[in-house]
Amino acid sequence: MVQAVERVHASGHGRDPLRGSDRQHHLGRTPIFAWASFAVPYWLTAYFLGPTFPALLGAMVGLLVTSLTLRAGYFLPEEEWEFGPRESWPAHWVGEIEPGESTSGGGGAVAADGGTAAATPGADV
């Protein structure tokens, strides 16, 4: 959570890091809620079912509760924000490979699934 808040400060574009922001407020509440939605089922499962199931059931219930809560619109920021234009990013944020560009010597575009766009479906490689 601390790292997420620090990353938001790094992309703040002139915001004063000493003053609280709406983004920090939501970044603080959402992870705490996600933790609780995992920890409570985890503890209850461990208490009532024994040591075998807590990680499995706690994770599944926590993911379900957190996903449904976020889809319902709770814990979302009032205003959406994005990083600034790519031209204003520091050099260490940007790699040399552009999206859709092949890194192999064969050339060709890269498909969304990591294959090449020119590959025929069902062909043995």
Protein backbone atom coordinates (compact mmCIF):
# COMPACT_ATOMS: atom_id res chain seq x y z
CA MET A 1 0.00 0.00 0.00
CA VAL A 2 2.85 2.37 0.82
CA GLN A 3 4.41 1.68 -2.58
CA ALA A 4 1.11 2.39 -4.35
CA VAL A 5 0.75 5.72 -2.56
CA GLU A 6 4.34 6.63 -3.40
CA ARG A 7 3.75 5.84 -7.07
CA VAL A 8 0.69 8.06 -7.07
CA HIS A 9 2.81 10.87 -5.61
CA ALA A 10 5.44 10.33 -8.30
CA SER A 11 2.83 10.85 -11.00
CA GLY A 12 1.15 13.75 -9.22
CA HIS A 13 2.28 16.44 -11.69
CA GLY A 14 2.90 19.28 -9.28
CA ARG A 15 0.67 18.22 -6.42
CA ASP A 16 1.99 18.92 -2.96
CA PRO A 17 2.99 15.57 -1.41
CA LEU A 18 2.32 16.88 2.10
CA ARG A 19 -1.35 17.51 1.45
CA GLY A 20 -3.68 14.54 1.26
CA SER A 21 -5.35 13.87 -2.03
CA ASP A 22 -8.46 12.04 -3.11
CA ARG A 23 -6.29 9.47 -4.87
CA GLN A 24 -4.41 8.65 -1.67
CA HIS A 25 -7.65 8.33 0.25
CA HIS A 26 -8.99 5.73 -2.17
CA LEU A 27 -5.66 3.95 -2.41
CA GLY A 28 -5.72 3.55 1.36
CA ARG A 29 -9.29 2.30 1.70
CA THR A 30 -9.33 -0.22 -1.14
CA PRO A 31 -6.35 -2.36 -0.01
CA ILE A 32 -7.60 -2.37 3.57
CA PHE A 33 -11.02 -3.54 2.40
CA ALA A 34 -9.41 -6.19 0.16
CA TRP A 35 -7.30 -7.38 3.10
CA ALA A 36 -10.36 -7.65 5.34
CA SER A 37 -12.36 -9.48 2.69
CA PHE A 38 -9.56 -12.07 2.60
CA ALA A 39 -8.63 -12.19 6.28
CA VAL A 40 -12.13 -12.68 7.70
CA PRO A 41 -13.04 -15.72 5.54
CA TYR A 42 -9.50 -17.04 6.04
CA TRP A 43 -9.82 -16.90 9.83
CA LEU A 44 -13.36 -18.32 9.84
CA THR A 45 -12.34 -21.19 7.57
CA ALA A 46 -9.30 -21.95 9.73
CA TYR A 47 -11.40 -21.88 12.88
CA PHE A 48 -14.30 -24.03 11.64
CA LEU A 49 -12.75 -26.30 8.99
CA GLY A 50 -9.15 -26.72 10.08
CA PRO A 51 -5.77 -25.85 8.57
CA THR A 52 -6.29 -27.31 5.10
CA PHE A 53 -8.71 -24.87 3.46
CA PRO A 54 -8.06 -21.32 4.69
CA ALA A 55 -5.76 -20.15 1.90
CA LEU A 56 -7.98 -21.59 -0.83
CA LEU A 57 -11.35 -20.49 0.49
CA GLY A 58 -10.11 -17.21 1.96
CA ALA A 59 -8.57 -16.22 -1.37
CA MET A 60 -11.63 -17.21 -3.41
CA VAL A 61 -14.10 -15.48 -1.12
CA GLY A 62 -11.86 -12.41 -0.78
CA LEU A 63 -11.47 -12.10 -4.54
CA LEU A 64 -15.20 -12.52 -5.09
CA VAL A 65 -16.18 -9.97 -2.43
CA THR A 66 -13.58 -7.42 -3.57
CA SER A 67 -14.46 -7.83 -7.27
CA LEU A 68 -18.19 -7.51 -6.68
CA THR A 69 -17.71 -4.50 -4.43
CA LEU A 70 -15.55 -2.69 -6.97
CA ARG A 71 -17.94 -3.56 -9.81
CA ALA A 72 -20.80 -2.13 -7.76
CA GLY A 73 -18.91 1.17 -7.68
CA TYR A 74 -17.75 1.28 -4.08
CA PHE A 75 -14.21 2.46 -3.21
CA LEU A 76 -13.70 4.00 -6.64
CA PRO A 77 -12.26 7.52 -6.94
CA GLU A 78 -14.66 10.32 -7.83
CA GLU A 79 -12.47 11.44 -10.72
CA GLU A 80 -10.50 9.15 -12.99
CA TRP A 81 -6.86 9.94 -13.51
CA GLU A 82 -4.19 8.75 -15.85
CA PHE A 83 -0.49 9.26 -16.26
CA GLY A 84 0.56 12.33 -18.23
CA PRO A 85 1.43 12.21 -21.92
CA ARG A 86 4.11 9.70 -22.84
CA GLU A 87 6.44 12.48 -23.92
CA SER A 88 6.59 13.78 -20.33
CA TRP A 89 7.55 10.41 -18.80
CA PRO A 90 11.06 9.90 -17.43
CA ALA A 91 13.36 7.91 -19.71
CA HIS A 92 13.47 4.91 -17.34
CA TRP A 93 9.69 4.45 -17.67
CA VAL A 94 9.85 3.78 -21.41
CA GLY A 95 11.41 0.71 -23.01
CA GLU A 96 12.81 0.30 -26.47
CA ILE A 97 10.17 -2.17 -27.72
CA GLU A 98 6.94 -0.63 -28.94
CA PRO A 99 3.62 -2.47 -28.49
CA GLY A 100 3.02 -4.82 -31.42
CA GLU A 101 6.69 -4.80 -32.44
CA SER A 102 8.55 -8.09 -32.84
CA THR A 103 11.73 -8.71 -30.86
CA SER A 104 12.83 -11.67 -32.96
CA GLY A 105 14.92 -11.33 -36.09
CA GLY A 106 12.11 -12.68 -38.27
CA GLY A 107 10.20 -9.43 -38.26
CA GLY A 108 6.46 -9.31 -38.52
CA ALA A 109 3.89 -7.96 -36.12
CA VAL A 110 3.30 -9.58 -32.76
CA ALA A 111 -0.20 -10.89 -32.09
CA ALA A 112 -1.97 -10.13 -28.83
CA ASP A 113 -1.35 -13.67 -27.56
CA GLY A 114 2.41 -13.41 -28.09
CA GLY A 115 2.51 -15.25 -31.43
CA THR A 116 3.07 -13.63 -34.77
CA ALA A 117 0.20 -12.10 -36.65
CA ALA A 118 1.20 -13.96 -39.84
CA ALA A 119 1.06 -17.42 -38.20
CA THR A 120 -1.77 -19.63 -39.39
CA PRO A 121 -4.09 -21.04 -36.73
CA GLY A 122 -3.64 -24.74 -36.04
CA ALA A 123 -0.23 -25.01 -37.72
CA ASP A 124 2.42 -27.01 -35.90
CA VAL A 125 5.44 -24.93 -35.02
